[in-house]
């Protein structure tokens, strides 16, 4: 009986130690810190590609000539960036990174996405009924986009034994809304080497 109690006590102590060692630890880190746990696409990749590609098209001779010919700061709407990779990548979040880069550049105006335009139109309709005429937003004053930025995201994977290389490719087009003429066409790649 005494040995059984000792064994049970010993097992309980081992269980408590093992349970204590498996506790989760959380540490706050800077959002700019690069952390790659799985080797999959992550927030750092989204920020890096958005920054590089927006700078590429804003500084391209074709975009600058387009802006000069227009005689004003071009207005851009970020359309759809289709995810054709095998990974789940939040394209809405990816698009927001591009929108922020464009907006903060000061070299282009940003036009709202269709989703937000609908919300604005609902509010404008409510104002026509409930707001005073002096403060109600007027219809027919929306700013039309001159250009649309859209494209695709693909990946190529090569594996051997416990090694893997994934090459992520974002291809974007900046197109004139009126003429369908491409003003800029670019690609940015991020290649990751993963070893297990």
Protein backbone atom coordinates (compact mmCIF):
# COMPACT_ATOMS: atom_id res chain seq x y z
CA UNK A 1 0.00 0.00 0.00
CA UNK A 2 2.81 2.35 0.93
CA UNK A 3 4.58 1.64 -2.39
CA UNK A 4 1.34 2.31 -4.30
CA UNK A 5 0.96 5.71 -2.62
CA UNK A 6 4.58 6.50 -3.39
CA UNK A 7 4.10 5.52 -7.04
CA UNK A 8 0.91 7.61 -7.33
CA UNK A 9 2.64 10.58 -5.67
CA UNK A 10 5.60 10.18 -7.99
CA UNK A 11 3.37 10.04 -11.09
CA UNK A 12 1.42 13.11 -9.93
CA UNK A 13 4.65 15.03 -9.41
CA UNK A 14 5.91 14.09 -12.90
CA UNK A 15 2.52 15.10 -14.36
CA UNK A 16 2.62 18.49 -12.63
CA UNK A 17 6.18 19.14 -13.79
CA UNK A 18 5.29 18.15 -17.37
CA UNK A 19 2.13 20.29 -17.27
CA UNK A 20 4.13 23.26 -15.92
CA UNK A 21 6.71 22.91 -18.70
CA UNK A 22 4.06 22.90 -21.43
CA UNK A 23 2.61 26.29 -20.53
CA UNK A 24 2.36 28.77 -23.37
CA UNK A 25 4.53 31.86 -23.32
CA UNK A 26 3.57 35.07 -25.12
CA UNK A 27 5.96 37.95 -25.75
CA UNK A 28 5.12 41.27 -27.34
CA UNK A 29 7.37 42.12 -30.28
CA UNK A 30 7.62 45.03 -32.69
CA UNK A 31 5.30 44.73 -35.73
CA UNK A 32 8.37 45.49 -37.87
CA UNK A 33 10.30 42.52 -36.49
CA UNK A 34 10.74 39.74 -39.04
CA UNK A 35 9.60 36.39 -37.63
CA UNK A 36 9.40 33.32 -39.88
CA UNK A 37 7.98 30.32 -38.05
CA UNK A 38 6.65 28.13 -40.86
CA UNK A 39 8.32 29.57 -43.94
CA UNK A 40 4.91 30.41 -45.39
CA UNK A 41 3.86 33.85 -46.69
CA UNK A 42 3.49 36.30 -43.81
CA UNK A 43 2.92 39.96 -42.89
CA UNK A 44 6.55 40.94 -43.49
CA UNK A 45 6.36 39.59 -47.04
CA UNK A 46 3.13 41.53 -47.71
CA UNK A 47 4.61 44.80 -46.44
CA UNK A 48 7.88 44.34 -48.34
CA UNK A 49 6.22 43.54 -51.69
CA UNK A 50 3.63 46.32 -51.38
CA UNK A 51 6.32 48.89 -50.59
CA UNK A 52 8.64 47.81 -53.40
CA UNK A 53 5.96 47.53 -56.07
CA UNK A 54 4.28 50.85 -55.29
CA UNK A 55 7.67 52.57 -55.38
CA UNK A 56 8.42 50.82 -58.70
CA UNK A 57 5.33 52.13 -60.44
CA UNK A 58 5.37 55.60 -58.87
CA UNK A 59 8.97 56.08 -60.00
CA UNK A 60 8.52 54.51 -63.43
CA UNK A 61 8.89 56.83 -66.44
CA UNK A 62 5.52 55.66 -67.84
CA UNK A 63 3.61 56.57 -64.66
CA UNK A 64 5.37 59.92 -64.40
CA UNK A 65 4.58 60.66 -68.07
CA UNK A 66 0.94 59.64 -67.48
CA UNK A 67 0.68 62.03 -64.50
CA UNK A 68 2.32 64.80 -66.52
CA UNK A 69 -0.05 64.26 -69.47
CA UNK A 70 -3.06 64.30 -67.11
CA UNK A 71 -1.85 67.54 -65.56
CA UNK A 72 -2.93 66.35 -62.12
CA UNK A 73 -2.23 63.74 -59.48
CA UNK A 74 -3.69 60.46 -60.80
CA UNK A 75 -6.38 58.76 -58.71
CA UNK A 76 -5.87 55.02 -58.25
CA UNK A 77 -8.20 52.27 -57.10
CA UNK A 78 -6.66 49.00 -55.96
CA UNK A 79 -8.66 46.22 -57.58
CA UNK A 80 -8.35 42.53 -56.99
CA UNK A 81 -5.08 40.69 -56.39
CA UNK A 82 -5.97 37.06 -57.02
CA UNK A 83 -4.24 34.46 -54.87
CA UNK A 84 -3.29 31.50 -57.07
CA UNK A 85 -0.89 29.98 -54.54
CA UNK A 86 -1.69 26.79 -52.64
CA UNK A 87 -1.62 28.75 -49.36
CA UNK A 88 -4.43 30.70 -47.74
CA UNK A 89 -3.34 34.33 -48.00
CA UNK A 90 -5.74 37.06 -46.90
CA UNK A 91 -5.96 39.08 -50.11
CA UNK A 92 -7.98 41.84 -48.41
CA UNK A 93 -5.16 42.43 -45.96
CA UNK A 94 -2.63 42.29 -48.79
CA UNK A 95 -4.62 44.87 -50.78
CA UNK A 96 -4.78 47.18 -47.73
CA UNK A 97 -0.96 47.20 -47.64
CA UNK A 98 -0.91 48.48 -51.24
CA UNK A 99 -3.58 51.07 -50.48
CA UNK A 100 -1.61 52.39 -47.53
CA UNK A 101 1.59 52.68 -49.57
CA UNK A 102 -0.23 54.55 -52.36
CA UNK A 103 -2.03 56.87 -49.94
CA UNK A 104 1.11 57.72 -47.97
CA UNK A 105 3.20 58.32 -51.10
CA UNK A 106 1.60 61.69 -51.89
CA UNK A 107 2.18 60.90 -55.60
CA UNK A 108 -1.28 59.46 -56.22
CA UNK A 109 -4.79 59.87 -54.83
CA UNK A 110 -6.57 56.78 -53.55
CA UNK A 111 -10.19 56.05 -54.48
CA UNK A 112 -12.26 53.86 -52.17
CA UNK A 113 -12.92 50.21 -52.94
CA UNK A 114 -16.40 49.09 -54.08
CA UNK A 115 -17.18 47.72 -50.60
CA UNK A 116 -16.58 51.05 -48.89
CA UNK A 117 -18.17 53.07 -51.67
CA UNK A 118 -21.44 51.19 -51.01
CA UNK A 119 -21.26 52.10 -47.31
CA UNK A 120 -20.62 55.74 -48.20
CA UNK A 121 -23.56 55.75 -50.60
CA UNK A 122 -25.85 54.32 -47.92
CA UNK A 123 -24.79 57.07 -45.53
CA UNK A 124 -25.23 59.70 -48.26
CA UNK A 125 -28.77 58.41 -48.91
CA UNK A 126 -29.56 58.61 -45.17
CA UNK A 127 -28.27 62.17 -45.08
CA UNK A 128 -30.64 63.20 -47.87
CA UNK A 129 -33.52 62.27 -45.60
CA UNK A 130 -32.26 63.04 -42.12
CA UNK A 131 -29.50 65.69 -42.33
CA UNK A 132 -30.01 69.40 -42.79
CA UNK A 133 -29.64 70.54 -46.44
CA UNK A 134 -26.59 72.67 -45.54
CA UNK A 135 -24.65 69.69 -44.14
CA UNK A 136 -25.89 66.78 -46.28
CA UNK A 137 -23.33 65.30 -48.68
CA UNK A 138 -24.43 65.82 -52.27
CA UNK A 139 -24.91 63.12 -54.90
CA UNK A 140 -22.80 62.97 -58.06
CA UNK A 141 -19.62 64.33 -56.46
CA UNK A 142 -17.61 61.11 -56.20
CA UNK A 143 -14.05 61.18 -57.50
CA UNK A 144 -13.51 58.72 -60.34
CA UNK A 145 -10.33 56.68 -60.54
CA UNK A 146 -7.94 57.28 -63.44
CA UNK A 147 -6.07 54.01 -62.93
CA UNK A 148 -6.71 50.56 -61.49
CA UNK A 149 -4.00 48.40 -59.88
CA UNK A 150 -4.72 44.67 -60.04
CA UNK A 151 -2.98 41.36 -60.61
CA UNK A 152 -2.19 37.87 -59.39
CA UNK A 153 -0.03 36.10 -56.87
CA UNK A 154 1.47 32.71 -57.68
CA UNK A 155 4.05 30.41 -56.16
CA UNK A 156 6.49 27.78 -57.39
CA UNK A 157 7.69 25.07 -55.01
CA UNK A 158 10.70 22.78 -55.31
CA UNK A 159 11.26 20.07 -52.67
CA UNK A 160 13.91 17.46 -52.04
CA UNK A 161 14.17 15.32 -48.91
CA UNK A 162 13.63 17.76 -46.02
CA UNK A 163 14.46 20.88 -48.00
CA UNK A 164 12.03 23.14 -49.78
CA UNK A 165 12.27 26.33 -51.86
CA UNK A 166 9.13 28.41 -52.38
CA UNK A 167 9.19 31.31 -54.83
CA UNK A 168 6.25 33.72 -54.43
CA UNK A 169 5.57 35.95 -57.45
CA UNK A 170 3.27 38.97 -57.38
CA UNK A 171 2.44 40.31 -60.84
CA UNK A 172 0.61 43.64 -61.02
CA UNK A 173 -0.83 45.82 -63.76
CA UNK A 174 -1.63 49.53 -63.54
CA UNK A 175 -4.23 50.22 -66.21
CA UNK A 176 -5.94 53.37 -67.49
CA UNK A 177 -9.67 53.13 -66.65
CA UNK A 178 -10.77 54.95 -69.80
CA UNK A 179 -8.59 53.36 -72.46
CA UNK A 180 -7.62 49.97 -70.91
CA UNK A 181 -4.01 50.90 -71.75
CA UNK A 182 -1.38 49.55 -69.37
CA UNK A 183 0.59 52.31 -67.76
CA UNK A 184 2.84 49.97 -65.75
CA UNK A 185 3.46 46.24 -65.48
CA UNK A 186 5.67 44.73 -62.79
CA UNK A 187 6.66 41.67 -60.82
CA UNK A 188 8.18 41.18 -57.40
CA UNK A 189 9.46 37.85 -56.09
CA UNK A 190 10.24 36.53 -52.64
CA UNK A 191 12.12 33.24 -52.49
CA UNK A 192 12.23 31.22 -49.26
CA UNK A 193 14.52 28.31 -48.47
CA UNK A 194 13.06 26.05 -45.78
CA UNK A 195 14.97 23.22 -44.13
CA UNK A 196 13.34 20.84 -41.64
